[in-house]
Amino acid sequence: MDPALSAVRLTVREAIHTLSSSEDGSLILSTLGSLKRYLGETENPALPREQEEFARVHFSAFLRCLVGKLSPDWLELLPNGQLEELWASFFLEGPADQAFLVLMESIEGTAGPSFRLMKMAQLLAGFLSAGRMAAVMEGQCRQHTEPASPLLQETLLTRVVGLPDRLGNHLQQESLAMFLPQNYVPLLGEEVVRVLQAVVDSLRGGLDCSISFVSQVLGKACVHGRQKEILGVLVPRLTALTQGSCLWQRVCWRLVECVPDRAMEAVLTGLVEAVPGPEVLARLLGNLVMKSKKAQFVLTRKLLFLQYRCTTPTLQSLLGYLAMDSQRRPLLVQVLKELLETWGSGSAVRHTPLPQQRYISEAVLICLAHLGEAELRDSRDELLASLMAGVKCRLDSSLPPVRRLGMIVAEVASARIHPEGPPLRFQYEEDELSREMLALATSRPAADSPLEAGSSVTPVTAETPDKETEDGGAPQPRPEGSDSELDSDDEFVPYDMSGDREVKSSKAPVYVRDCIEALTTSEDWERWEAALRALEGLVFRSPAATREVAEYLTSQFYAVNYSLRQRMDILDVLTLAAQELSRPGRLGRTPQHGSPGPTSQPGSAAAPAWRAVVEERIRSKTRRFSKGFARQGPATGPNKFNSVAGSFFFPLIQHFDRPLVTFDLLGDDQLVLGRLAHTLGALMYLAVNTMVAVPMGKALLEFVWALRFHGDAYVRRGLLSAVSSVLLSVPAERLLADLPDELQEARSWLADVAEKDPDEDCRMLAVKALLLLERLKDRLLPLSS
């Protein structure tokens, strides 16, 4: 047996025996002082070999002995806190990894609030404040000659990253502020920077180091959802340190390369979101995307196609990083091909949420801004094919934002991919979305392949600014002494023509049928105008005329010789007419146009004035015994829509599945189908308390059930609104008696839509319909929740 090794073992054994049995403060002080020499902190330190044996074999056992002796009486064996200070110095000056593990073990092993528990928690807080966590990680970086045990590294990794959760679960309300995640994780980030600084210093001194453990700490912290806290400290510091330092850049590249594959996505996602631009991202990652298959998948597939959480600046950083190096630019071209392929997929347009479609469109425009004409020319045919397919799918969409995205991307992409061809131009309303998208298209590339001058796309304005207002918007002053002053007409008095009447050759129609005949057969514009002016008044004065007009419009909706716009106008007119009929007191309305009725008199307009004066006099001279304000109740009256609701509703719903030569609701004319679904829902809602509400509800639910899996989001929105209209308009008792099976099927479908539908508005409408069903659950569907 080596006498030196046995001497260390005997000294530690005697010290532990003294600490366990003695109550003499002076003896304990001298015993602890004799062991301090093995830490190398005294004037007469032990031999390096003895220090190594003490640290490797005996230190953890000795610290556990110190923890076991911790008590108020034991610390008071010496005055002025001498014993506590010497006791704490072994944890703060000895091997950091072992001290940290013993501190965590002692805290987690102590049950309930106690003096020992709080002392150990305070000592751990001092351990962290003294920067000892950097020593823990640095010790793992310097073990390149003799690698540490994998079990030890995994134990350290778990406790270093999981410290807030582990101590929070154990200390509960007694946890210290330093152990909270929002305080501890930034501190851990600062310690990582200190470790990396020590590694850089070692490399400059010619010593090898490994930063694998630091990479694992970074990866595990990001996997735990702490990307913002730790990278919020790391990225600004590393951004400054890598500026002009190749060695620091190499260390950062190695730091990210050594992150385990299971944590690579979390780290890269956090970095892309945290960096201020593509230049910084390139300094931190280098050519990682070319070396790591996992990193390439995350940066070129996961962040672009499988999610859409990145903001526009994040997209610019990511795609700009790919464009900044000649080795990475082929990846950018491949990304553009895949983006346009996805953008041109009809299935993606139908089943992708609108925010994700905008996300893909922004990525396409950013890629086009970074690529040069020569790079695009090699893939022109493939890119144009995907572009044209996407334009067709989007222009056929029922949603205006989808169509507008298609127009903007088509204009920009066609000009960039095929600049010598005829430019595409669309008319769309300029709003914040279009301005942001066009700004992305005109941004200059960051790589060494600049865009050609004049290739940027700018919106086409439909109006030319007035010459007087183009300079600041204010009219230009006229030159003094001009002829405009001499030609002024201010002195002339205008002739009173208020009593003049326009002479018309066409007589106003007297019957609704005459109006319809004039509008459908005549080519005389004066007769058209007279019919339009008279029609509203005729319909208002004759309830029978309402049925006549409704039957005509519903029959014409499925006629052959109409455009889609005209068919949608028919639906709008029917909806507005139903609103007027269902409104209480609607017959008292005076039509704005049309010939006066036979009972109208010239002096009737003054009647409300004298009547108000008389009523005011009676009210002022009437003595009332009750106090309070006179309130005018809401207008009441029968629902005039009751008698004609069926004429509005059933002709529209009967033939929706019968295609015509120029009109196919179940084919390409899905925009009109969506409008029809919304109209039927509105008619159902306005038919509340009518005699035909129950058969209308049954027919509408059958209509919904036939189209419930339609691929167009606008159609699905109309169907979901129709379900809510049925629940609001049909009496609850009749729903229970006549439609129990339909409602139970609708409930399952609504739950599925609320959970899985890609359109946000569809999910919201499904939730609202489910809430209506829940309110009626006890009376309608006696099912267990």
Foldseek 3Di string as FASTA:
>chain_A
DPPLLVVLVVLLVVLLVCLVPDLQPVVNVVSLVVVVLLLVPDPNHDDPVSVVCCQPPPLLVSLVSLLVSDDPSSQVSDPPSPVVVSNLCSLQRGQVLSSVVSLLCSLLPDADDDPSNVVSLVSVVVSLVVLSVLSNQLVQFQCPVPHDDPVSLVVSLCCLQCVLVSNCVGCPPNHDPCSHCLNVQLSVLVSLVVSLVVCLVCVVVVHGTDNLSVLQSLLVNLVVVNLCRNCVNNLVVLLVVLVVDPSSLVSLQRSLLSRDLVRNLSNVVSVLQNHQAQVSVCSNHPVVLVVDVSNVCNLLPCPQPVDQPDDLRSLRNSLLNLLADPVSVVSLLVSLLVLLQLLLDLLCVLFAAPSSNLSSLLNNLLSLQADEQVSLQVCLVSNVVSLVSNQVSQCLALDVVSNVSNQLSQQLVCCSNPVVDDGDADDDDDDPSSVVSLVSNPDWRPYPRTYDPPSRDDHDDPDDDDPQQPVPGHGDDDDPPDCVVVPDPVVDDDDDPVPDDDDAPDDADDALVLLVCCCPPPPDVSNVVSSVQANVVRCLVDVVVVLVVLLVLLVCLPDDPDDLVVNLVSLVVLLVVLVLQQAAPSSVDDDPGHDDDPPDDPPPVCVVVVVVVVVVVCVVPDDDDDDDDDDDDDHDDDRRCQVRLCSNADSNLPCQCPADPNGHCLPSSVSSLLSSLQSLLSSLLSCAPHPCNLVSLVSLLVVCVVCCPPSHPSNNLSSLSSLQSNLNRDDLVSCQVPPQPSVVVLLVSLVCQLVRRNYPSSNVSSVVSNVSCVVCCVSHPVDDD
